[in-house]
Amino acid sequence: MLPDSYGIIQPDKKLKNLSELIKSSEKNIFAVVDGKERFTVIIKLNNIMQKLFQPDLFDKVLFKSIMKKSPFILLI
């Protein structure tokens, strides 16, 4: 489970949900967690910046389509 200080979102949420999370966060990397709140991937703000300036996509784009796999795996 990730600390509350991280921006956390589920993969079935829409881009609109991330835009609202960004407004209240100072982070530029957000964790995507599964239904059991386990880390799955990250979303870097730089990778989706263009989509954030296209409000017509907010209700159409799901995180599943913009998620990037982490370059490493952390086993605990």
PDB file of N, CA and C in Angstrom:
ATOM      1  N   MET A   1       0.846  -1.174   0.000  1.00  0.00           N
ATOM      2  CA  MET A   1       0.000   0.000   0.000  1.00  0.00           C
ATOM      3  C   MET A   1       0.892   1.238   0.000  1.00  0.00           C
ATOM      4  N   LEU A   2       0.514   2.226  -0.790  1.00  0.00           N
ATOM      5  CA  LEU A   2       1.309   3.445  -0.905  1.00  0.00           C
ATOM      6  C   LEU A   2       0.881   4.475   0.132  1.00  0.00           C
ATOM      7  N   PRO A   3       1.822   5.322   0.568  1.00  0.00           N
ATOM      8  CA  PRO A   3       1.469   6.381   1.522  1.00  0.00           C
ATOM      9  C   PRO A   3       0.484   7.372   0.907  1.00  0.00           C
ATOM     10  N   ASP A   4      -0.308   8.028   1.753  1.00  0.00           N
ATOM     11  CA  ASP A   4      -1.296   9.001   1.284  1.00  0.00           C
ATOM     12  C   ASP A   4      -0.679  10.197   0.573  1.00  0.00           C
ATOM     13  N   SER A   5       0.613  10.438   0.764  1.00  0.00           N
ATOM     14  CA  SER A   5       1.243  11.603   0.156  1.00  0.00           C
ATOM     15  C   SER A   5       1.409  11.452  -1.358  1.00  0.00           C
ATOM     16  N   TYR A   6       1.219  10.236  -1.877  1.00  0.00           N
ATOM     17  CA  TYR A   6       1.315  10.009  -3.313  1.00  0.00           C
ATOM     18  C   TYR A   6      -0.042  10.220  -3.964  1.00  0.00           C
ATOM     19  N   GLY A   7      -0.021  10.698  -5.191  1.00  0.00           N
ATOM     20  CA  GLY A   7      -1.247  10.791  -5.957  1.00  0.00           C
ATOM     21  C   GLY A   7      -1.606   9.404  -6.444  1.00  0.00           C
ATOM     22  N   ILE A   8      -2.736   8.894  -6.016  1.00  0.00           N
ATOM     23  CA  ILE A   8      -3.116   7.519  -6.332  1.00  0.00           C
ATOM     24  C   ILE A   8      -4.427   7.519  -7.111  1.00  0.00           C
ATOM     25  N   ILE A   9      -4.478   6.682  -8.124  1.00  0.00           N
ATOM     26  CA  ILE A   9      -5.682   6.571  -8.947  1.00  0.00           C
ATOM     27  C   ILE A   9      -5.830   5.143  -9.455  1.00  0.00           C
ATOM     28  N   GLN A  10      -7.051   4.741  -9.766  1.00  0.00           N
ATOM     29  CA  GLN A  10      -7.320   3.396 -10.274  1.00  0.00           C
ATOM     30  C   GLN A  10      -7.367   3.418 -11.808  1.00  0.00           C
ATOM     31  N   PRO A  11      -7.024   2.305 -12.463  1.00  0.00           N
ATOM     32  CA  PRO A  11      -6.933   2.274 -13.926  1.00  0.00           C
ATOM     33  C   PRO A  11      -8.262   2.452 -14.648  1.00  0.00           C
ATOM     34  N   ASP A  12      -9.382   2.240 -13.963  1.00  0.00           N
ATOM     35  CA  ASP A  12     -10.674   2.395 -14.628  1.00  0.00           C
ATOM     36  C   ASP A  12     -11.223   3.817 -14.531  1.00  0.00           C
ATOM     37  N   LYS A  13     -10.459   4.722 -13.926  1.00  0.00           N
ATOM     38  CA  LYS A  13     -10.873   6.124 -13.830  1.00  0.00           C
ATOM     39  C   LYS A  13     -10.588   6.843 -15.148  1.00  0.00           C
ATOM     40  N   LYS A  14     -11.210   8.000 -15.290  1.00  0.00           N
ATOM     41  CA  LYS A  14     -11.060   8.776 -16.525  1.00  0.00           C
ATOM     42  C   LYS A  14     -10.041   9.890 -16.338  1.00  0.00           C
ATOM     43  N   LEU A  15      -9.631  10.461 -17.456  1.00  0.00           N
ATOM     44  CA  LEU A  15      -8.664  11.558 -17.452  1.00  0.00           C
ATOM     45  C   LEU A  15      -9.149  12.714 -16.586  1.00  0.00           C
ATOM     46  N   LYS A  16     -10.441  12.924 -16.550  1.00  0.00           N
ATOM     47  CA  LYS A  16     -11.022  13.980 -15.710  1.00  0.00           C
ATOM     48  C   LYS A  16     -10.629  13.784 -14.252  1.00  0.00           C
ATOM     49  N   ASN A  17     -10.630  12.532 -13.785  1.00  0.00           N
ATOM     50  CA  ASN A  17     -10.266  12.252 -12.400  1.00  0.00           C
ATOM     51  C   ASN A  17      -8.818  12.620 -12.117  1.00  0.00           C
ATOM     52  N   LEU A  18      -7.936  12.362 -13.083  1.00  0.00           N
ATOM     53  CA  LEU A  18      -6.530  12.724 -12.901  1.00  0.00           C
ATOM     54  C   LEU A  18      -6.363  14.231 -12.893  1.00  0.00           C
ATOM     55  N   SER A  19      -7.080  14.938 -13.749  1.00  0.00           N
ATOM     56  CA  SER A  19      -6.946  16.396 -13.779  1.00  0.00           C
ATOM     57  C   SER A  19      -7.334  16.992 -12.434  1.00  0.00           C
ATOM     58  N   GLU A  20      -8.342  16.424 -11.782  1.00  0.00           N
ATOM     59  CA  GLU A  20      -8.740  16.907 -10.460  1.00  0.00           C
ATOM     60  C   GLU A  20      -7.702  16.557  -9.402  1.00  0.00           C
ATOM     61  N   LEU A  21      -7.083  15.397  -9.525  1.00  0.00           N
ATOM     62  CA  LEU A  21      -6.020  15.000  -8.605  1.00  0.00           C
ATOM     63  C   LEU A  21      -4.811  15.922  -8.759  1.00  0.00           C
ATOM     64  N   ILE A  22      -4.482  16.275  -9.982  1.00  0.00           N
ATOM     65  CA  ILE A  22      -3.341  17.153 -10.253  1.00  0.00           C
ATOM     66  C   ILE A  22      -3.548  18.519  -9.610  1.00  0.00           C
ATOM     67  N   LYS A  23      -4.769  19.018  -9.656  1.00  0.00           N
ATOM     68  CA  LYS A  23      -5.076  20.336  -9.068  1.00  0.00           C
ATOM     69  C   LYS A  23      -4.738  20.398  -7.586  1.00  0.00           C
ATOM     70  N   SER A  24      -4.889  19.278  -6.892  1.00  0.00           N
ATOM     71  CA  SER A  24      -4.675  19.281  -5.444  1.00  0.00           C
ATOM     72  C   SER A  24      -3.340  18.653  -5.040  1.00  0.00           C
ATOM     73  N   SER A  25      -2.446  18.443  -5.992  1.00  0.00           N
ATOM     74  CA  SER A  25      -1.184  17.764  -5.701  1.00  0.00           C
ATOM     75  C   SER A  25       0.011  18.592  -6.160  1.00  0.00           C
ATOM     76  N   GLU A  26       1.122  18.369  -5.505  1.00  0.00           N
ATOM     77  CA  GLU A  26       2.379  18.984  -5.930  1.00  0.00           C
ATOM     78  C   GLU A  26       3.261  17.980  -6.654  1.00  0.00           C
ATOM     79  N   LYS A  27       2.745  16.788  -6.886  1.00  0.00           N
ATOM     80  CA  LYS A  27       3.507  15.708  -7.527  1.00  0.00           C
ATOM     81  C   LYS A  27       3.402  15.799  -9.046  1.00  0.00           C
ATOM     82  N   ASN A  28       4.347  15.172  -9.726  1.00  0.00           N
ATOM     83  CA  ASN A  28       4.264  15.070 -11.187  1.00  0.00           C
ATOM     84  C   ASN A  28       4.298  13.614 -11.643  1.00  0.00           C
ATOM     85  N   ILE A  29       4.294  12.702 -10.688  1.00  0.00           N
ATOM     86  CA  ILE A  29       4.208  11.269 -10.964  1.00  0.00           C
ATOM     87  C   ILE A  29       3.088  10.716 -10.090  1.00  0.00           C
ATOM     88  N   PHE A  30       2.212   9.943 -10.714  1.00  0.00           N
ATOM     89  CA  PHE A  30       1.061   9.410 -10.004  1.00  0.00           C
ATOM     90  C   PHE A  30       1.048   7.897 -10.095  1.00  0.00           C
ATOM     91  N   ALA A  31       0.695   7.266  -9.000  1.00  0.00           N
ATOM     92  CA  ALA A  31       0.648   5.807  -8.935  1.00  0.00           C
ATOM     93  C   ALA A  31      -0.734   5.305  -9.331  1.00  0.00           C
ATOM     94  N   VAL A  32      -0.735   4.268 -10.128  1.00  0.00           N
ATOM     95  CA  VAL A  32      -1.984   3.588 -10.469  1.00  0.00           C
ATOM     96  C   VAL A  32      -2.007   2.306  -9.649  1.00  0.00           C
ATOM     97  N   VAL A  33      -3.119   2.098  -8.937  1.00  0.00           N
ATOM     98  CA  VAL A  33      -3.241   0.929  -8.073  1.00  0.00           C
ATOM     99  C   VAL A  33      -4.417   0.075  -8.519  1.00  0.00           C
ATOM    100  N   ASP A  34      -4.333  -1.213  -8.238  1.00  0.00           N
ATOM    101  CA  ASP A  34      -5.427  -2.118  -8.598  1.00  0.00           C
ATOM    102  C   ASP A  34      -6.514  -2.069  -7.531  1.00  0.00           C
ATOM    103  N   GLY A  35      -7.504  -2.925  -7.641  1.00  0.00           N
ATOM    104  CA  GLY A  35      -8.622  -2.949  -6.711  1.00  0.00           C
ATOM    105  C   GLY A  35      -8.240  -3.256  -5.276  1.00  0.00           C
ATOM    106  N   LYS A  36      -7.071  -3.866  -5.079  1.00  0.00           N
ATOM    107  CA  LYS A  36      -6.585  -4.173  -3.729  1.00  0.00           C
ATOM    108  C   LYS A  36      -5.554  -3.142  -3.264  1.00  0.00           C
ATOM    109  N   GLU A  37      -5.504  -2.008  -3.957  1.00  0.00           N
ATOM    110  CA  GLU A  37      -4.588  -0.900  -3.675  1.00  0.00           C
ATOM    111  C   GLU A  37      -3.122  -1.307  -3.776  1.00  0.00           C
ATOM    112  N   ARG A  38      -2.824  -2.226  -4.684  1.00  0.00           N
ATOM    113  CA  ARG A  38      -1.437  -2.611  -4.954  1.00  0.00           C
ATOM    114  C   ARG A  38      -0.946  -1.808  -6.148  1.00  0.00           C
ATOM    115  N   PHE A  39       0.272  -1.336  -6.049  1.00  0.00           N
ATOM    116  CA  PHE A  39       0.890  -0.562  -7.125  1.00  0.00           C
ATOM    117  C   PHE A  39       0.939  -1.390  -8.402  1.00  0.00           C
ATOM    118  N   THR A  40       0.531  -0.773  -9.521  1.00  0.00           N
ATOM    119  CA  THR A  40       0.620  -1.470 -10.810  1.00  0.00           C
ATOM    120  C   THR A  40       1.551  -0.731 -11.771  1.00  0.00           C
ATOM    121  N   VAL A  41       1.314   0.543 -11.993  1.00  0.00           N
ATOM    122  CA  VAL A  41       2.150   1.329 -12.898  1.00  0.00           C
ATOM    123  C   VAL A  41       2.169   2.782 -12.437  1.00  0.00           C
ATOM    124  N   ILE A  42       2.935   3.594 -13.158  1.00  0.00           N
ATOM    125  CA  ILE A  42       2.970   5.028 -12.877  1.00  0.00           C
ATOM    126  C   ILE A  42       2.480   5.807 -14.091  1.00  0.00           C
ATOM    127  N   ILE A  43       1.994   6.994 -13.831  1.00  0.00           N
ATOM    128  CA  ILE A  43       1.665   7.945 -14.893  1.00  0.00           C
ATOM    129  C   ILE A  43       2.503   9.180 -14.627  1.00  0.00           C
ATOM    130  N   LYS A  44       3.322   9.544 -15.595  1.00  0.00           N
ATOM    131  CA  LYS A  44       4.136  10.754 -15.483  1.00  0.00           C
ATOM    132  C   LYS A  44       3.377  11.900 -16.123  1.00  0.00           C
ATOM    133  N   LEU A  45       3.323  13.010 -15.423  1.00  0.00           N
ATOM    134  CA  LEU A  45       2.615  14.184 -15.917  1.00  0.00           C
ATOM    135  C   LEU A  45       3.133  14.616 -17.290  1.00  0.00           C
ATOM    136  N   ASN A  46       4.437  14.533 -17.501  1.00  0.00           N
ATOM    137  CA  ASN A  46       5.018  14.922 -18.787  1.00  0.00           C
ATOM    138  C   ASN A  46       4.485  14.079 -19.944  1.00  0.00           C
ATOM    139  N   ASN A  47       4.150  12.821 -19.685  1.00  0.00           N
ATOM    140  CA  ASN A  47       3.688  11.927 -20.743  1.00  0.00           C
ATOM    141  C   ASN A  47       2.248  12.175 -21.165  1.00  0.00           C
ATOM    142  N   ILE A  48       1.481  12.847 -20.327  1.00  0.00           N
ATOM    143  CA  ILE A  48       0.072  13.075 -20.659  1.00  0.00           C
ATOM    144  C   ILE A  48      -0.283  14.553 -20.762  1.00  0.00           C
ATOM    145  N   MET A  49       0.710  15.419 -20.696  1.00  0.00           N
ATOM    146  CA  MET A  49       0.487  16.863 -20.683  1.00  0.00           C
ATOM    147  C   MET A  49      -0.424  17.325 -21.823  1.00  0.00           C
ATOM    148  N   GLN A  50      -0.186  16.844 -23.041  1.00  0.00           N
ATOM    149  CA  GLN A  50      -0.990  17.283 -24.185  1.00  0.00           C
ATOM    150  C   GLN A  50      -2.460  16.914 -24.013  1.00  0.00           C
ATOM    151  N   LYS A  51      -2.723  15.750 -23.458  1.00  0.00           N
ATOM    152  CA  LYS A  51      -4.108  15.321 -23.253  1.00  0.00           C
ATOM    153  C   LYS A  51      -4.822  16.190 -22.209  1.00  0.00           C
ATOM    154  N   LEU A  52      -4.074  16.722 -21.252  1.00  0.00           N
ATOM    155  CA  LEU A  52      -4.681  17.556 -20.217  1.00  0.00           C
ATOM    156  C   LEU A  52      -5.175  18.890 -20.757  1.00  0.00           C
ATOM    157  N   PHE A  53      -4.704  19.277 -21.923  1.00  0.00           N
ATOM    158  CA  PHE A  53      -5.156  20.520 -22.545  1.00  0.00           C
ATOM    159  C   PHE A  53      -6.209  20.261 -23.614  1.00  0.00           C
ATOM    160  N   GLN A  54      -6.798  19.079 -23.584  1.00  0.00           N
ATOM    161  CA  GLN A  54      -7.871  18.713 -24.501  1.00  0.00           C
ATOM    162  C   GLN A  54      -9.076  18.249 -23.679  1.00  0.00           C
ATOM    163  N   PRO A  55      -9.822  19.197 -23.106  1.00  0.00           N
ATOM    164  CA  PRO A  55     -10.931  18.837 -22.213  1.00  0.00           C
ATOM    165  C   PRO A  55     -11.979  17.923 -22.854  1.00  0.00           C
ATOM    166  N   ASP A  56     -12.058  17.911 -24.158  1.00  0.00           N
ATOM    167  CA  ASP A  56     -13.017  17.018 -24.812  1.00  0.00           C
ATOM    168  C   ASP A  56     -12.653  15.545 -24.609  1.00  0.00           C
ATOM    169  N   LEU A  57     -11.416  15.263 -24.199  1.00  0.00           N
ATOM    170  CA  LEU A  57     -10.978  13.890 -23.940  1.00  0.00           C
ATOM    171  C   LEU A  57     -11.229  13.443 -22.501  1.00  0.00           C
ATOM    172  N   PHE A  58     -11.535  14.377 -21.614  1.00  0.00           N
ATOM    173  CA  PHE A  58     -11.623  14.088 -20.183  1.00  0.00           C
ATOM    174  C   PHE A  58     -12.566  12.938 -19.853  1.00  0.00           C
ATOM    175  N   ASP A  59     -13.694  12.844 -20.518  1.00  0.00           N
ATOM    176  CA  ASP A  59     -14.654  11.788 -20.228  1.00  0.00           C
ATOM    177  C   ASP A  59     -14.508  10.588 -21.148  1.00  0.00           C
ATOM    178  N   LYS A  60     -13.596  10.660 -22.097  1.00  0.00           N
ATOM    179  CA  LYS A  60     -13.419   9.586 -23.078  1.00  0.00           C
ATOM    180  C   LYS A  60     -12.206   8.707 -22.793  1.00  0.00           C
ATOM    181  N   VAL A  61     -11.139   9.286 -22.255  1.00  0.00           N
ATOM    182  CA  VAL A  61      -9.875   8.571 -22.087  1.00  0.00           C
ATOM    183  C   VAL A  61      -9.802   7.924 -20.709  1.00  0.00           C
ATOM    184  N   LEU A  62      -9.630   6.604 -20.705  1.00  0.00           N
ATOM    185  CA  LEU A  62      -9.414   5.864 -19.460  1.00  0.00           C
ATOM    186  C   LEU A  62      -7.920   5.716 -19.218  1.00  0.00           C
ATOM    187  N   PHE A  63      -7.544   5.609 -17.958  1.00  0.00           N
ATOM    188  CA  PHE A  63      -6.127   5.433 -17.635  1.00  0.00           C
ATOM    189  C   PHE A  63      -5.526   4.209 -18.277  1.00  0.00           C
ATOM    190  N   LYS A  64      -6.322   3.181 -18.428  1.00  0.00           N
ATOM    191  CA  LYS A  64      -5.820   1.946 -19.041  1.00  0.00           C
ATOM    192  C   LYS A  64      -5.140   2.225 -20.379  1.00  0.00           C
ATOM    193  N   SER A  65      -5.610   3.257 -21.083  1.00  0.00           N
ATOM    194  CA  SER A  65      -5.063   3.540 -22.407  1.00  0.00           C
ATOM    195  C   SER A  65      -3.807   4.413 -22.377  1.00  0.00           C
ATOM    196  N   ILE A  66      -3.495   5.033 -21.241  1.00  0.00           N
ATOM    197  CA  ILE A  66      -2.329   5.924 -21.188  1.00  0.00           C
ATOM    198  C   ILE A  66      -1.281   5.475 -20.174  1.00  0.00           C
ATOM    199  N   MET A  67      -1.527   4.369 -19.490  1.00  0.00           N
ATOM    200  CA  MET A  67      -0.589   3.898 -18.474  1.00  0.00           C
ATOM    201  C   MET A  67       0.690   3.380 -19.118  1.00  0.00           C
ATOM    202  N   LYS A  68       1.792   3.607 -18.442  1.00  0.00           N
ATOM    203  CA  LYS A  68       3.094   3.084 -18.876  1.00  0.00           C
ATOM    204  C   LYS A  68       3.599   2.132 -17.803  1.00  0.00           C
ATOM    205  N   LYS A  69       4.100   1.012 -18.249  1.00  0.00           N
ATOM    206  CA  LYS A  69       4.660   0.060 -17.293  1.00  0.00           C
ATOM    207  C   LYS A  69       5.901   0.654 -16.648  1.00  0.00           C
ATOM    208  N   SER A  70       6.060   0.353 -15.389  1.00  0.00           N
ATOM    209  CA  SER A  70       7.233   0.805 -14.657  1.00  0.00           C
ATOM    210  C   SER A  70       8.479   0.121 -15.208  1.00  0.00           C
ATOM    211  N   PRO A  71       9.610   0.854 -15.285  1.00  0.00           N
ATOM    212  CA  PRO A  71      10.837   0.243 -15.794  1.00  0.00           C
ATOM    213  C   PRO A  71      11.469  -0.736 -14.808  1.00  0.00           C
ATOM    214  N   PHE A  72      10.897  -0.864 -13.632  1.00  0.00           N
ATOM    215  CA  PHE A  72      11.430  -1.780 -12.637  1.00  0.00           C
ATOM    216  C   PHE A  72      10.289  -2.415 -11.858  1.00  0.00           C
ATOM    217  N   ILE A  73      10.591  -3.490 -11.167  1.00  0.00           N
ATOM    218  CA  ILE A  73       9.605  -4.165 -10.333  1.00  0.00           C
ATOM    219  C   ILE A  73      10.145  -4.167  -8.918  1.00  0.00           C
ATOM    220  N   LEU A  74       9.325  -3.766  -8.002  1.00  0.00           N
ATOM    221  CA  LEU A  74       9.700  -3.728  -6.593  1.00  0.00           C
ATOM    222  C   LEU A  74       8.991  -4.861  -5.874  1.00  0.00           C
ATOM    223  N   LEU A  75       9.750  -5.778  -5.334  1.00  0.00           N
ATOM    224  CA  LEU A  75       9.190  -6.905  -4.592  1.00  0.00           C
ATOM    225  C   LEU A  75       9.403  -6.659  -3.112  1.00  0.00           C
ATOM    226  N   ILE A  76       8.339  -6.806  -2.354  1.00  0.00           N
ATOM    227  CA  ILE A  76       8.444  -6.590  -0.908  1.00  0.00           C
ATOM    228  C   ILE A  76       8.092  -7.861  -0.183  1.00  0.00           C
TER     229      ILE A  76
END
